[in-house]
Amino acid sequence: MAQSRVEKMKQKKKKPMNRFVKITLLTFLALFVVAGGAFAYVMHKVSNVASGAQQELERGDRSELRDNVVNPIKDPVSVLFLGLDSRGGDLSGRTDAMVLATFNPDENTIKMLNIPRDSRVELAGRGTMDKINHAHAFGGLDMTIATVENLFDIPVDYFVSLNFDAFMDIINELGGVTVNSPMTFTEKDNGTYGTITIHEGEQHLNGQEALAYVRMRKSDPRGDLGRGERQKEVIESIIREAASFSSITRFGPVMDAVGKNLKTNLSFNNLMSMHSYASKLNEVESLQLQGENAMINRIYYYQLNPQSVIEISETFQRHLNIIEDDPIIDQEENVESW
């Protein structure tokens, strides 16, 4: 499968490059914006975090769908962000959130896709249809990345894996976030097996409360739509806090908190190359996978629309400069029709 995809890509003309994770990504970029006079200090902290968080993939430093190792400074690249349903430094288990992002330095643009964790796809290396978030539990990062590559027929160049502790610690170190909740609700906290109550109206939330705020879905009559709006609200609040002058003194503790709960194959230089995208935070294009809820053998899945998968694949391929004209359209075999 991998070889056929590579051959098809070579035939094309090439030019010379659950939103929980999106919150953390945009926070990283916002922190680069506020560096200002503290730039040297910021670089030192980022260098330490990048060094301590390094994890190599079994495949090596490039995807099988790449002829050469990419350079984020001049080449379009893709990054898979994984939010893990774990705490205390644990970076195993199932993924609670998966966000695939592509970065194009020529256009200075970002495209981002939230992959529903219950999406029913073929897991790479197993040949079985299952929820995509099970790939990490069965085969770790390599199986997860291979599954995403097979689904969208694009190379996944880099990954960033982090757990809930990183999200909460970032918010706590920034002094919390302000939100305006449309309703009062309670959400069970997986870490303490207690409940957190969020009241209707404007309020200031700490990290644990903010996590409950962005994860709740069942109590919202708008379901995923309502949750998406709340997550966007928290993203904007984090960026405001990170961009405030007073937050510069908190940068060190924020990076220390993230470093304990982060794994990535992005090097320090790779991370620094992302700095140029910071001014484009409000121009991130969010893509959406179409599908429908399905019960198969009494198990809930999100059944992807094959045509939607193809369209998103083409969008990513164009953004990565893999294709210019006709899209690669052989990925229907990795999802099932409605």
C-alpha atoms as a PDB file:
ATOM      1  CA  MET A   1       0.000   0.000   0.000  1.00  0.00           C
ATOM      2  CA  ALA A   2       2.736   2.434   1.004  1.00  0.00           C
ATOM      3  CA  GLN A   3       4.735   1.732  -2.154  1.00  0.00           C
ATOM      4  CA  SER A   4       1.772   2.341  -4.447  1.00  0.00           C
ATOM      5  CA  ARG A   5       1.077   5.665  -2.780  1.00  0.00           C
ATOM      6  CA  VAL A   6       4.709   6.696  -3.179  1.00  0.00           C
ATOM      7  CA  GLU A   7       4.669   5.823  -6.863  1.00  0.00           C
ATOM      8  CA  LYS A   8       1.508   7.816  -7.416  1.00  0.00           C
ATOM      9  CA  MET A   9       2.964  10.814  -5.641  1.00  0.00           C
ATOM     10  CA  LYS A  10       6.096  10.680  -7.776  1.00  0.00           C
ATOM     11  CA  GLN A  11       3.930  10.875 -10.888  1.00  0.00           C
ATOM     12  CA  LYS A  12       2.434  14.174  -9.718  1.00  0.00           C
ATOM     13  CA  LYS A  13       4.098  17.523 -10.277  1.00  0.00           C
ATOM     14  CA  LYS A  14       5.711  18.949  -7.175  1.00  0.00           C
ATOM     15  CA  LYS A  15       6.638  22.474  -6.198  1.00  0.00           C
ATOM     16  CA  PRO A  16       9.911  23.208  -4.383  1.00  0.00           C
ATOM     17  CA  MET A  17       7.438  22.331   1.157  1.00  0.00           C
ATOM     18  CA  ASN A  18     -11.290  16.944  19.843  1.00  0.00           C
ATOM     19  CA  ARG A  19      -9.627  20.575  19.410  1.00  0.00           C
ATOM     20  CA  PHE A  20      -8.074  20.021  22.840  1.00  0.00           C
ATOM     21  CA  VAL A  21      -4.768  19.695  21.024  1.00  0.00           C
ATOM     22  CA  LYS A  22      -5.517  22.700  18.804  1.00  0.00           C
ATOM     23  CA  ILE A  23      -5.773  24.766  21.979  1.00  0.00           C
ATOM     24  CA  THR A  24      -2.268  23.745  22.989  1.00  0.00           C
ATOM     25  CA  LEU A  25      -0.876  24.273  19.464  1.00  0.00           C
ATOM     26  CA  LEU A  26      -2.223  27.808  19.275  1.00  0.00           C
ATOM     27  CA  THR A  27      -0.949  28.484  22.772  1.00  0.00           C
ATOM     28  CA  PHE A  28       2.579  27.525  21.645  1.00  0.00           C
ATOM     29  CA  LEU A  29       2.329  29.915  18.696  1.00  0.00           C
ATOM     30  CA  ALA A  30       0.895  32.688  20.855  1.00  0.00           C
ATOM     31  CA  LEU A  31       3.765  32.304  23.305  1.00  0.00           C
ATOM     32  CA  PHE A  32       6.240  32.921  20.477  1.00  0.00           C
ATOM     33  CA  VAL A  33       4.381  36.160  19.689  1.00  0.00           C
ATOM     34  CA  VAL A  34       4.717  37.518  23.222  1.00  0.00           C
ATOM     35  CA  ALA A  35       8.409  36.710  23.529  1.00  0.00           C
ATOM     36  CA  GLY A  36       9.561  40.226  22.619  1.00  0.00           C
ATOM     37  CA  GLY A  37      12.563  41.318  24.648  1.00  0.00           C
ATOM     38  CA  ALA A  38      12.634  37.967  26.419  1.00  0.00           C
ATOM     39  CA  PHE A  39      13.427  36.181  23.144  1.00  0.00           C
ATOM     40  CA  ALA A  40      16.735  34.671  24.307  1.00  0.00           C
ATOM     41  CA  TYR A  41      15.117  33.320  27.459  1.00  0.00           C
ATOM     42  CA  VAL A  42      12.213  31.924  25.454  1.00  0.00           C
ATOM     43  CA  MET A  43      14.552  30.166  23.040  1.00  0.00           C
ATOM     44  CA  HIS A  44      16.436  28.607  25.939  1.00  0.00           C
ATOM     45  CA  LYS A  45      13.234  27.235  27.485  1.00  0.00           C
ATOM     46  CA  VAL A  46      11.909  25.901  24.181  1.00  0.00           C
ATOM     47  CA  SER A  47      15.266  24.260  23.468  1.00  0.00           C
ATOM     48  CA  ASN A  48      15.170  22.450  26.812  1.00  0.00           C
ATOM     49  CA  VAL A  49      11.591  21.276  26.288  1.00  0.00           C
ATOM     50  CA  ALA A  50      12.254  20.089  22.724  1.00  0.00           C
ATOM     51  CA  SER A  51      15.330  18.168  23.840  1.00  0.00           C
ATOM     52  CA  GLY A  52      13.588  16.445  26.742  1.00  0.00           C
ATOM     53  CA  ALA A  53      10.493  15.583  24.722  1.00  0.00           C
ATOM     54  CA  GLN A  54      12.268  13.944  21.770  1.00  0.00           C
ATOM     55  CA  GLN A  55      10.963  10.536  20.670  1.00  0.00           C
ATOM     56  CA  GLU A  56      11.928   8.805  17.444  1.00  0.00           C
ATOM     57  CA  LEU A  57       9.522   6.751  15.368  1.00  0.00           C
ATOM     58  CA  GLU A  58      10.322   3.222  14.214  1.00  0.00           C
ATOM     59  CA  ARG A  59      10.132   4.406  10.600  1.00  0.00           C
ATOM     60  CA  GLY A  60      12.973   6.889  11.132  1.00  0.00           C
ATOM     61  CA  ASP A  61      13.058  10.611  10.409  1.00  0.00           C
ATOM     62  CA  ARG A  62      10.820  10.629   7.331  1.00  0.00           C
ATOM     63  CA  SER A  63       7.535   9.182   6.166  1.00  0.00           C
ATOM     64  CA  GLU A  64       7.560   6.368   3.610  1.00  0.00           C
ATOM     65  CA  LEU A  65       5.550   8.755   1.448  1.00  0.00           C
ATOM     66  CA  ARG A  66       8.482  11.168   1.258  1.00  0.00           C
ATOM     67  CA  ASP A  67      11.493  10.844  -1.022  1.00  0.00           C
ATOM     68  CA  ASN A  68      13.560  13.069   1.264  1.00  0.00           C
ATOM     69  CA  VAL A  69      13.472  14.482   4.779  1.00  0.00           C
ATOM     70  CA  VAL A  70      11.438  17.707   4.792  1.00  0.00           C
ATOM     71  CA  ASN A  71      12.629  21.096   6.002  1.00  0.00           C
ATOM     72  CA  PRO A  72       9.779  23.066   7.692  1.00  0.00           C
ATOM     73  CA  ILE A  73      11.504  26.358   6.884  1.00  0.00           C
ATOM     74  CA  LYS A  74      11.024  25.896   3.126  1.00  0.00           C
ATOM     75  CA  ASP A  75       8.803  22.822   2.658  1.00  0.00           C
ATOM     76  CA  PRO A  76       5.110  22.339   3.428  1.00  0.00           C
ATOM     77  CA  VAL A  77       4.802  19.858   6.308  1.00  0.00           C
ATOM     78  CA  SER A  78       2.132  18.030   8.262  1.00  0.00           C
ATOM     79  CA  VAL A  79       1.867  17.586  12.022  1.00  0.00           C
ATOM     80  CA  LEU A  80      -0.409  15.170  13.882  1.00  0.00           C
ATOM     81  CA  PHE A  81      -1.389  16.452  17.332  1.00  0.00           C
ATOM     82  CA  LEU A  82      -2.568  13.809  19.796  1.00  0.00           C
ATOM     83  CA  GLY A  83      -4.346  14.492  23.073  1.00  0.00           C
ATOM     84  CA  LEU A  84      -4.140  11.426  25.307  1.00  0.00           C
ATOM     85  CA  ASP A  85      -6.737  10.438  27.875  1.00  0.00           C
ATOM     86  CA  SER A  86      -4.118  10.029  30.583  1.00  0.00           C
ATOM     87  CA  ARG A  87      -2.330  11.986  33.289  1.00  0.00           C
ATOM     88  CA  GLY A  88       0.718  11.976  35.517  1.00  0.00           C
ATOM     89  CA  GLY A  89       3.241  11.829  32.680  1.00  0.00           C
ATOM     90  CA  ASP A  90       1.544   8.781  31.132  1.00  0.00           C
ATOM     91  CA  LEU A  91       1.620   9.065  27.335  1.00  0.00           C
ATOM     92  CA  SER A  92       0.106   5.675  26.487  1.00  0.00           C
ATOM     93  CA  GLY A  93      -3.481   4.548  26.063  1.00  0.00           C
ATOM     94  CA  ARG A  94      -6.167   5.796  23.703  1.00  0.00           C
ATOM     95  CA  THR A  95      -6.250   9.196  22.053  1.00  0.00           C
ATOM     96  CA  ASP A  96      -9.017  11.513  23.223  1.00  0.00           C
ATOM     97  CA  ALA A  97      -8.313  14.048  20.490  1.00  0.00           C
ATOM     98  CA  MET A  98      -6.585  13.941  17.103  1.00  0.00           C
ATOM     99  CA  VAL A  99      -5.842  17.037  15.056  1.00  0.00           C
ATOM    100  CA  LEU A 100      -4.049  16.863  11.708  1.00  0.00           C
ATOM    101  CA  ALA A 101      -2.513  20.158  10.583  1.00  0.00           C
ATOM    102  CA  THR A 102      -0.609  21.171   7.466  1.00  0.00           C
ATOM    103  CA  PHE A 103       1.702  24.183   7.272  1.00  0.00           C
ATOM    104  CA  ASN A 104       2.644  25.870   3.989  1.00  0.00           C
ATOM    105  CA  PRO A 105       5.544  28.375   4.297  1.00  0.00           C
ATOM    106  CA  ASP A 106       5.045  29.790   0.787  1.00  0.00           C
ATOM    107  CA  GLU A 107       1.468  30.794   1.606  1.00  0.00           C
ATOM    108  CA  ASN A 108       2.131  31.183   5.357  1.00  0.00           C
ATOM    109  CA  THR A 109      -1.138  29.326   5.953  1.00  0.00           C
ATOM    110  CA  ILE A 110      -2.351  26.554   8.226  1.00  0.00           C
ATOM    111  CA  LYS A 111      -5.085  23.993   7.570  1.00  0.00           C
ATOM    112  CA  MET A 112      -6.368  21.967  10.481  1.00  0.00           C
ATOM    113  CA  LEU A 113      -8.672  18.951  10.777  1.00  0.00           C
ATOM    114  CA  ASN A 114     -10.214  17.509  13.919  1.00  0.00           C
ATOM    115  CA  ILE A 115     -10.458  13.722  13.396  1.00  0.00           C
ATOM    116  CA  PRO A 116     -13.402  12.353  15.415  1.00  0.00           C
ATOM    117  CA  ARG A 117     -12.015   9.808  17.850  1.00  0.00           C
ATOM    118  CA  ASP A 118     -14.805   7.297  17.091  1.00  0.00           C
ATOM    119  CA  SER A 119     -14.189   7.358  13.316  1.00  0.00           C
ATOM    120  CA  ARG A 120     -14.452   3.828  11.908  1.00  0.00           C
ATOM    121  CA  VAL A 121     -11.362   3.163   9.794  1.00  0.00           C
ATOM    122  CA  GLU A 122      -8.968   0.359   8.924  1.00  0.00           C
ATOM    123  CA  LEU A 123      -6.151   0.212  11.459  1.00  0.00           C
ATOM    124  CA  ALA A 124      -2.736  -0.011   9.797  1.00  0.00           C
ATOM    125  CA  GLY A 125      -0.996  -3.318  10.391  1.00  0.00           C
ATOM    126  CA  ARG A 126      -4.135  -5.035  11.711  1.00  0.00           C
ATOM    127  CA  GLY A 127      -6.400  -5.044   8.679  1.00  0.00           C
ATOM    128  CA  THR A 128      -9.496  -4.611  10.843  1.00  0.00           C
ATOM    129  CA  MET A 129     -12.107  -1.860  10.988  1.00  0.00           C
ATOM    130  CA  ASP A 130     -12.097  -0.142  14.367  1.00  0.00           C
ATOM    131  CA  LYS A 131     -12.246   3.245  16.059  1.00  0.00           C
ATOM    132  CA  ILE A 132      -9.274   5.343  15.046  1.00  0.00           C
ATOM    133  CA  ASN A 133      -8.472   6.216  18.661  1.00  0.00           C
ATOM    134  CA  HIS A 134      -7.751   2.519  19.353  1.00  0.00           C
ATOM    135  CA  ALA A 135      -4.699   2.633  17.070  1.00  0.00           C
ATOM    136  CA  HIS A 136      -2.554   4.248  19.758  1.00  0.00           C
ATOM    137  CA  ALA A 137      -3.536   1.634  22.348  1.00  0.00           C
ATOM    138  CA  PHE A 138      -2.788  -1.245  19.937  1.00  0.00           C
ATOM    139  CA  GLY A 139       0.351   0.025  18.246  1.00  0.00           C
ATOM    140  CA  GLY A 140       1.405   3.328  19.745  1.00  0.00           C
ATOM    141  CA  LEU A 141       2.510   6.311  17.727  1.00  0.00           C
ATOM    142  CA  ASP A 142       3.673   4.358  14.673  1.00  0.00           C
ATOM    143  CA  MET A 143       0.334   2.590  14.149  1.00  0.00           C
ATOM    144  CA  THR A 144      -1.575   5.813  14.746  1.00  0.00           C
ATOM    145  CA  ILE A 145       0.489   7.758  12.223  1.00  0.00           C
ATOM    146  CA  ALA A 146       0.358   4.960   9.631  1.00  0.00           C
ATOM    147  CA  THR A 147      -3.431   4.758  10.023  1.00  0.00           C
ATOM    148  CA  VAL A 148      -3.827   8.495   9.424  1.00  0.00           C
ATOM    149  CA  GLU A 149      -1.471   8.341   6.429  1.00  0.00           C
ATOM    150  CA  ASN A 150      -3.487   5.485   4.912  1.00  0.00           C
ATOM    151  CA  LEU A 151      -6.776   7.286   5.512  1.00  0.00           C
ATOM    152  CA  PHE A 152      -5.821  10.562   3.825  1.00  0.00           C
ATOM    153  CA  ASP A 153      -3.033   9.368   1.535  1.00  0.00           C
ATOM    154  CA  ILE A 154      -0.606  12.024   2.747  1.00  0.00           C
ATOM    155  CA  PRO A 155       2.662  11.850   4.686  1.00  0.00           C
ATOM    156  CA  VAL A 156       2.535  12.678   8.386  1.00  0.00           C
ATOM    157  CA  ASP A 157       5.903  14.316   8.938  1.00  0.00           C
ATOM    158  CA  TYR A 158       5.735  15.138  12.628  1.00  0.00           C
ATOM    159  CA  PHE A 159       3.706  14.371  15.719  1.00  0.00           C
ATOM    160  CA  VAL A 160       3.076  16.105  19.036  1.00  0.00           C
ATOM    161  CA  SER A 161       1.655  13.916  21.798  1.00  0.00           C
ATOM    162  CA  LEU A 162       0.497  15.338  25.126  1.00  0.00           C
ATOM    163  CA  ASN A 163      -1.926  14.488  27.915  1.00  0.00           C
ATOM    164  CA  PHE A 164      -4.525  16.322  29.971  1.00  0.00           C
ATOM    165  CA  ASP A 165      -2.012  17.477  32.567  1.00  0.00           C
ATOM    166  CA  ALA A 166      -0.286  19.660  29.964  1.00  0.00           C
ATOM    167  CA  PHE A 167      -3.560  21.380  29.063  1.00  0.00           C
ATOM    168  CA  MET A 168      -4.468  22.051  32.690  1.00  0.00           C
ATOM    169  CA  ASP A 169      -0.974  23.175  33.676  1.00  0.00           C
ATOM    170  CA  ILE A 170      -0.772  25.685  30.828  1.00  0.00           C
ATOM    171  CA  ILE A 171      -4.017  27.319  31.914  1.00  0.00           C
ATOM    172  CA  ASN A 172      -3.067  27.292  35.584  1.00  0.00           C
ATOM    173  CA  GLU A 173       0.315  28.884  34.892  1.00  0.00           C
ATOM    174  CA  LEU A 174      -1.349  31.574  32.782  1.00  0.00           C
ATOM    175  CA  GLY A 175      -3.637  32.380  35.703  1.00  0.00           C
ATOM    176  CA  GLY A 176      -6.785  30.763  34.319  1.00  0.00           C
ATOM    177  CA  VAL A 177      -9.148  31.646  31.472  1.00  0.00           C
ATOM    178  CA  THR A 178     -12.348  33.678  31.343  1.00  0.00           C
ATOM    179  CA  VAL A 179     -15.407  32.163  29.647  1.00  0.00           C
ATOM    180  CA  ASN A 180     -19.115  32.915  29.357  1.00  0.00           C
ATOM    181  CA  SER A 181     -20.928  29.608  29.806  1.00  0.00           C
ATOM    182  CA  PRO A 182     -24.308  29.340  28.042  1.00  0.00           C
ATOM    183  CA  MET A 183     -25.595  26.941  30.709  1.00  0.00           C
ATOM    184  CA  THR A 184     -25.009  25.362  34.104  1.00  0.00           C
ATOM    185  CA  PHE A 185     -23.760  21.777  33.990  1.00  0.00           C
ATOM    186  CA  THR A 186     -21.667  19.217  35.824  1.00  0.00           C
ATOM    187  CA  GLU A 187     -18.917  17.129  34.277  1.00  0.00           C
ATOM    188  CA  LYS A 188     -17.209  14.068  35.728  1.00  0.00           C
ATOM    189  CA  ASP A 189     -13.464  14.456  36.170  1.00  0.00           C
ATOM    190  CA  ASN A 190     -11.617  11.316  35.081  1.00  0.00           C
ATOM    191  CA  GLY A 191      -8.662  12.138  37.295  1.00  0.00           C
ATOM    192  CA  THR A 192     -10.428  12.349  40.664  1.00  0.00           C
ATOM    193  CA  TYR A 193     -13.739  10.614  39.871  1.00  0.00           C
ATOM    194  CA  GLY A 194     -15.504  13.656  41.232  1.00  0.00           C
ATOM    195  CA  THR A 195     -17.681  16.196  39.470  1.00  0.00           C
ATOM    196  CA  ILE A 196     -17.019  19.775  38.455  1.00  0.00           C
ATOM    197  CA  THR A 197     -19.861  22.262  38.227  1.00  0.00           C
ATOM    198  CA  ILE A 198     -19.748  25.063  35.680  1.00  0.00           C
ATOM    199  CA  HIS A 199     -22.325  27.806  36.201  1.00  0.00           C
ATOM    200  CA  GLU A 200     -24.106  29.805  33.543  1.00  0.00           C
ATOM    201  CA  GLY A 201     -22.594  33.200  32.794  1.00  0.00           C
ATOM    202  CA  GLU A 202     -19.148  34.774  32.795  1.00  0.00           C
ATOM    203  CA  GLN A 203     -16.552  33.244  35.098  1.00  0.00           C
ATOM    204  CA  HIS A 204     -12.826  32.593  35.497  1.00  0.00           C
ATOM    205  CA  LEU A 205     -11.790  28.925  35.286  1.00  0.00           C
ATOM    206  CA  ASN A 206      -8.675  27.115  36.438  1.00  0.00           C
ATOM    207  CA  GLY A 207      -7.108  24.319  34.399  1.00  0.00           C
ATOM    208  CA  GLN A 208      -9.252  21.493  35.754  1.00  0.00           C
ATOM    209  CA  GLU A 209     -12.452  23.494  35.314  1.00  0.00           C
ATOM    210  CA  ALA A 210     -11.455  24.544  31.796  1.00  0.00           C
ATOM    211  CA  LEU A 211     -10.843  20.904  30.850  1.00  0.00           C
ATOM    212  CA  ALA A 212     -14.350  20.027  32.025  1.00  0.00           C
ATOM    213  CA  TYR A 213     -15.707  23.016  30.096  1.00  0.00           C
ATOM    214  CA  VAL A 214     -14.181  21.965  26.761  1.00  0.00           C
ATOM    215  CA  ARG A 215     -14.906  18.235  27.114  1.00  0.00           C
ATOM    216  CA  MET A 216     -18.598  18.325  28.039  1.00  0.00           C
ATOM    217  CA  ARG A 217     -20.954  17.213  25.274  1.00  0.00           C
ATOM    218  CA  LYS A 218     -23.880  15.204  26.644  1.00  0.00           C
ATOM    219  CA  SER A 219     -25.442  18.062  28.626  1.00  0.00           C
ATOM    220  CA  ASP A 220     -25.295  20.458  25.681  1.00  0.00           C
ATOM    221  CA  PRO A 221     -28.415  20.300  23.462  1.00  0.00           C
ATOM    222  CA  ARG A 222     -26.212  21.309  20.522  1.00  0.00           C
ATOM    223  CA  GLY A 223     -23.869  18.359  21.078  1.00  0.00           C
ATOM    224  CA  ASP A 224     -20.567  18.579  19.206  1.00  0.00           C
ATOM    225  CA  LEU A 225     -21.495  21.985  17.763  1.00  0.00           C
ATOM    226  CA  GLY A 226     -21.879  23.457  21.239  1.00  0.00           C
ATOM    227  CA  ARG A 227     -18.689  21.811  22.432  1.00  0.00           C
ATOM    228  CA  GLY A 228     -16.824  23.189  19.434  1.00  0.00           C
ATOM    229  CA  GLU A 229     -17.952  26.720  20.228  1.00  0.00           C
ATOM    230  CA  ARG A 230     -16.826  26.355  23.854  1.00  0.00           C
ATOM    231  CA  GLN A 231     -13.453  25.015  22.761  1.00  0.00           C
ATOM    232  CA  LYS A 232     -13.013  27.960  20.389  1.00  0.00           C
ATOM    233  CA  GLU A 233     -13.870  30.301  23.267  1.00  0.00           C
ATOM    234  CA  VAL A 234     -11.162  28.758  25.454  1.00  0.00           C
ATOM    235  CA  ILE A 235      -8.629  28.941  22.604  1.00  0.00           C
ATOM    236  CA  GLU A 236      -9.257  32.664  22.278  1.00  0.00           C
ATOM    237  CA  SER A 237      -9.050  33.179  26.038  1.00  0.00           C
ATOM    238  CA  ILE A 238      -5.720  31.330  26.246  1.00  0.00           C
ATOM    239  CA  ILE A 239      -4.302  33.433  23.423  1.00  0.00           C
ATOM    240  CA  ARG A 240      -5.398  36.632  25.177  1.00  0.00           C
ATOM    241  CA  GLU A 241      -3.758  35.507  28.416  1.00  0.00           C
ATOM    242  CA  ALA A 242      -0.584  34.369  26.647  1.00  0.00           C
ATOM    243  CA  ALA A 243      -0.353  37.647  24.738  1.00  0.00           C
ATOM    244  CA  SER A 244      -0.678  39.799  27.859  1.00  0.00           C
ATOM    245  CA  PHE A 245       2.471  41.474  29.151  1.00  0.00           C
ATOM    246  CA  SER A 246       2.105  39.891  32.584  1.00  0.00           C
ATOM    247  CA  SER A 247       2.212  36.411  31.084  1.00  0.00           C
ATOM    248  CA  ILE A 248       5.854  36.714  29.994  1.00  0.00           C
ATOM    249  CA  THR A 249       7.004  35.996  33.551  1.00  0.00           C
ATOM    250  CA  ARG A 250       4.941  32.801  33.464  1.00  0.00           C
ATOM    251  CA  PHE A 251       6.483  31.509  30.255  1.00  0.00           C
ATOM    252  CA  GLY A 252       9.145  29.430  32.007  1.00  0.00           C
ATOM    253  CA  PRO A 253       6.716  27.533  34.269  1.00  0.00           C
ATOM    254  CA  VAL A 254       4.350  27.003  31.326  1.00  0.00           C
ATOM    255  CA  MET A 255       7.076  25.385  29.233  1.00  0.00           C
ATOM    256  CA  ASP A 256       8.251  23.326  32.215  1.00  0.00           C
ATOM    257  CA  ALA A 257       4.693  22.047  32.714  1.00  0.00           C
ATOM    258  CA  VAL A 258       4.310  21.139  29.057  1.00  0.00           C
ATOM    259  CA  GLY A 259       7.683  19.404  28.908  1.00  0.00           C
ATOM    260  CA  LYS A 260       6.688  16.836  31.525  1.00  0.00           C
ATOM    261  CA  ASN A 261       3.709  15.700  29.494  1.00  0.00           C
ATOM    262  CA  LEU A 262       4.895  16.034  25.905  1.00  0.00           C
ATOM    263  CA  LYS A 263       6.519  13.792  23.292  1.00  0.00           C
ATOM    264  CA  THR A 264       7.423  14.868  19.762  1.00  0.00           C
ATOM    265  CA  ASN A 265       9.806  14.224  16.880  1.00  0.00           C
ATOM    266  CA  LEU A 266      10.028  17.968  16.199  1.00  0.00           C
ATOM    267  CA  SER A 267      13.521  19.271  16.873  1.00  0.00           C
ATOM    268  CA  PHE A 268      14.291  22.660  18.395  1.00  0.00           C
ATOM    269  CA  ASN A 269      15.000  24.085  14.924  1.00  0.00           C
ATOM    270  CA  ASN A 270      11.720  22.615  13.655  1.00  0.00           C
ATOM    271  CA  LEU A 271       9.822  24.327  16.460  1.00  0.00           C
ATOM    272  CA  MET A 272      11.526  27.640  15.760  1.00  0.00           C
ATOM    273  CA  SER A 273      10.520  27.426  12.099  1.00  0.00           C
ATOM    274  CA  MET A 274       6.877  27.491  13.245  1.00  0.00           C
ATOM    275  CA  HIS A 275       7.419  31.001  14.608  1.00  0.00           C
ATOM    276  CA  SER A 276       6.589  32.516  11.215  1.00  0.00           C
ATOM    277  CA  TYR A 277       3.038  31.187  11.480  1.00  0.00           C
ATOM    278  CA  ALA A 278       2.306  32.996  14.753  1.00  0.00           C
ATOM    279  CA  SER A 279       0.892  36.080  13.010  1.00  0.00           C
ATOM    280  CA  LYS A 280      -1.590  33.836  11.173  1.00  0.00           C
ATOM    281  CA  LEU A 281      -3.387  32.576  14.282  1.00  0.00           C
ATOM    282  CA  ASN A 282      -6.680  34.091  13.152  1.00  0.00           C
ATOM    283  CA  GLU A 283      -6.335  32.676   9.641  1.00  0.00           C
ATOM    284  CA  VAL A 284      -6.275  28.975  10.468  1.00  0.00           C
ATOM    285  CA  GLU A 285      -8.637  27.143   8.118  1.00  0.00           C
ATOM    286  CA  SER A 286     -10.606  24.466   9.944  1.00  0.00           C
ATOM    287  CA  LEU A 287     -11.689  21.467   7.868  1.00  0.00           C
ATOM    288  CA  GLN A 288     -14.512  19.112   8.810  1.00  0.00           C
ATOM    289  CA  LEU A 289     -15.001  15.410   8.147  1.00  0.00           C
ATOM    290  CA  GLN A 290     -18.573  14.625   7.151  1.00  0.00           C
ATOM    291  CA  GLY A 291     -20.183  11.465   8.476  1.00  0.00           C
ATOM    292  CA  GLU A 292     -22.996  10.046  10.548  1.00  0.00           C
ATOM    293  CA  ASN A 293     -23.471   8.178  13.800  1.00  0.00           C
ATOM    294  CA  ALA A 294     -23.718   4.402  13.470  1.00  0.00           C
ATOM    295  CA  MET A 295     -24.285   1.405  15.757  1.00  0.00           C
ATOM    296  CA  ILE A 296     -22.436  -1.709  14.575  1.00  0.00           C
ATOM    297  CA  ASN A 297     -22.578  -4.832  16.744  1.00  0.00           C
ATOM    298  CA  ARG A 298     -23.885  -2.606  19.562  1.00  0.00           C
ATOM    299  CA  ILE A 299     -20.811  -0.387  19.377  1.00  0.00           C
ATOM    300  CA  TYR A 300     -21.032   3.316  18.552  1.00  0.00           C
ATOM    301  CA  TYR A 301     -18.956   4.604  15.636  1.00  0.00           C
ATOM    302  CA  TYR A 302     -18.690   7.742  13.560  1.00  0.00           C
ATOM    303  CA  GLN A 303     -19.117   6.467   9.999  1.00  0.00           C
ATOM    304  CA  LEU A 304     -17.071   8.657   7.662  1.00  0.00           C
ATOM    305  CA  ASN A 305     -18.444   9.794   4.330  1.00  0.00           C
ATOM    306  CA  PRO A 306     -15.941   8.419   1.745  1.00  0.00           C
ATOM    307  CA  GLN A 307     -16.421  11.429  -0.533  1.00  0.00           C
ATOM    308  CA  SER A 308     -15.643  13.780   2.355  1.00  0.00           C
ATOM    309  CA  VAL A 309     -12.447  11.830   3.068  1.00  0.00           C
ATOM    310  CA  ILE A 310     -11.407  12.169  -0.580  1.00  0.00           C
ATOM    311  CA  GLU A 311     -12.111  15.906  -0.648  1.00  0.00           C
ATOM    312  CA  ILE A 312     -10.139  16.542   2.535  1.00  0.00           C
ATOM    313  CA  SER A 313      -7.320  14.357   1.245  1.00  0.00           C
ATOM    314  CA  GLU A 314      -7.139  16.456  -1.911  1.00  0.00           C
ATOM    315  CA  THR A 315      -7.165  19.671   0.133  1.00  0.00           C
ATOM    316  CA  PHE A 316      -4.241  18.460   2.227  1.00  0.00           C
ATOM    317  CA  GLN A 317      -2.352  17.171  -0.826  1.00  0.00           C
ATOM    318  CA  ARG A 318      -2.637  20.539  -2.528  1.00  0.00           C
ATOM    319  CA  HIS A 319      -1.577  22.394   0.618  1.00  0.00           C
ATOM    320  CA  LEU A 320       1.470  20.120   0.875  1.00  0.00           C
ATOM    321  CA  ASN A 321       2.258  20.734  -2.822  1.00  0.00           C
ATOM    322  CA  ILE A 322       1.949  17.004  -3.490  1.00  0.00           C
ATOM    323  CA  ILE A 323      -0.530  17.513  -6.320  1.00  0.00           C
ATOM    324  CA  GLU A 324      -1.458  20.399  -8.577  1.00  0.00           C
ATOM    325  CA  ASP A 325      -4.194  18.934 -10.742  1.00  0.00           C
ATOM    326  CA  ASP A 326      -5.899  15.587 -10.236  1.00  0.00           C
ATOM    327  CA  PRO A 327      -6.303  14.275  -6.670  1.00  0.00           C
ATOM    328  CA  ILE A 328      -5.260  10.838  -5.520  1.00  0.00           C
ATOM    329  CA  ILE A 329      -8.544   9.005  -5.026  1.00  0.00           C
ATOM    330  CA  ASP A 330      -7.700   5.493  -3.846  1.00  0.00           C
ATOM    331  CA  GLN A 331      -8.370   6.029  -0.139  1.00  0.00           C
ATOM    332  CA  GLU A 332     -12.008   4.845  -0.264  1.00  0.00           C
ATOM    333  CA  GLU A 333     -10.767   1.378   0.691  1.00  0.00           C
ATOM    334  CA  ASN A 334      -9.767   2.674   4.134  1.00  0.00           C
ATOM    335  CA  VAL A 335     -13.325   3.697   5.088  1.00  0.00           C
ATOM    336  CA  GLU A 336     -16.659   2.007   4.568  1.00  0.00           C
ATOM    337  CA  SER A 337     -19.597   3.464   2.670  1.00  0.00           C
ATOM    338  CA  TRP A 338     -22.685   4.514   4.536  1.00  0.00           C
END
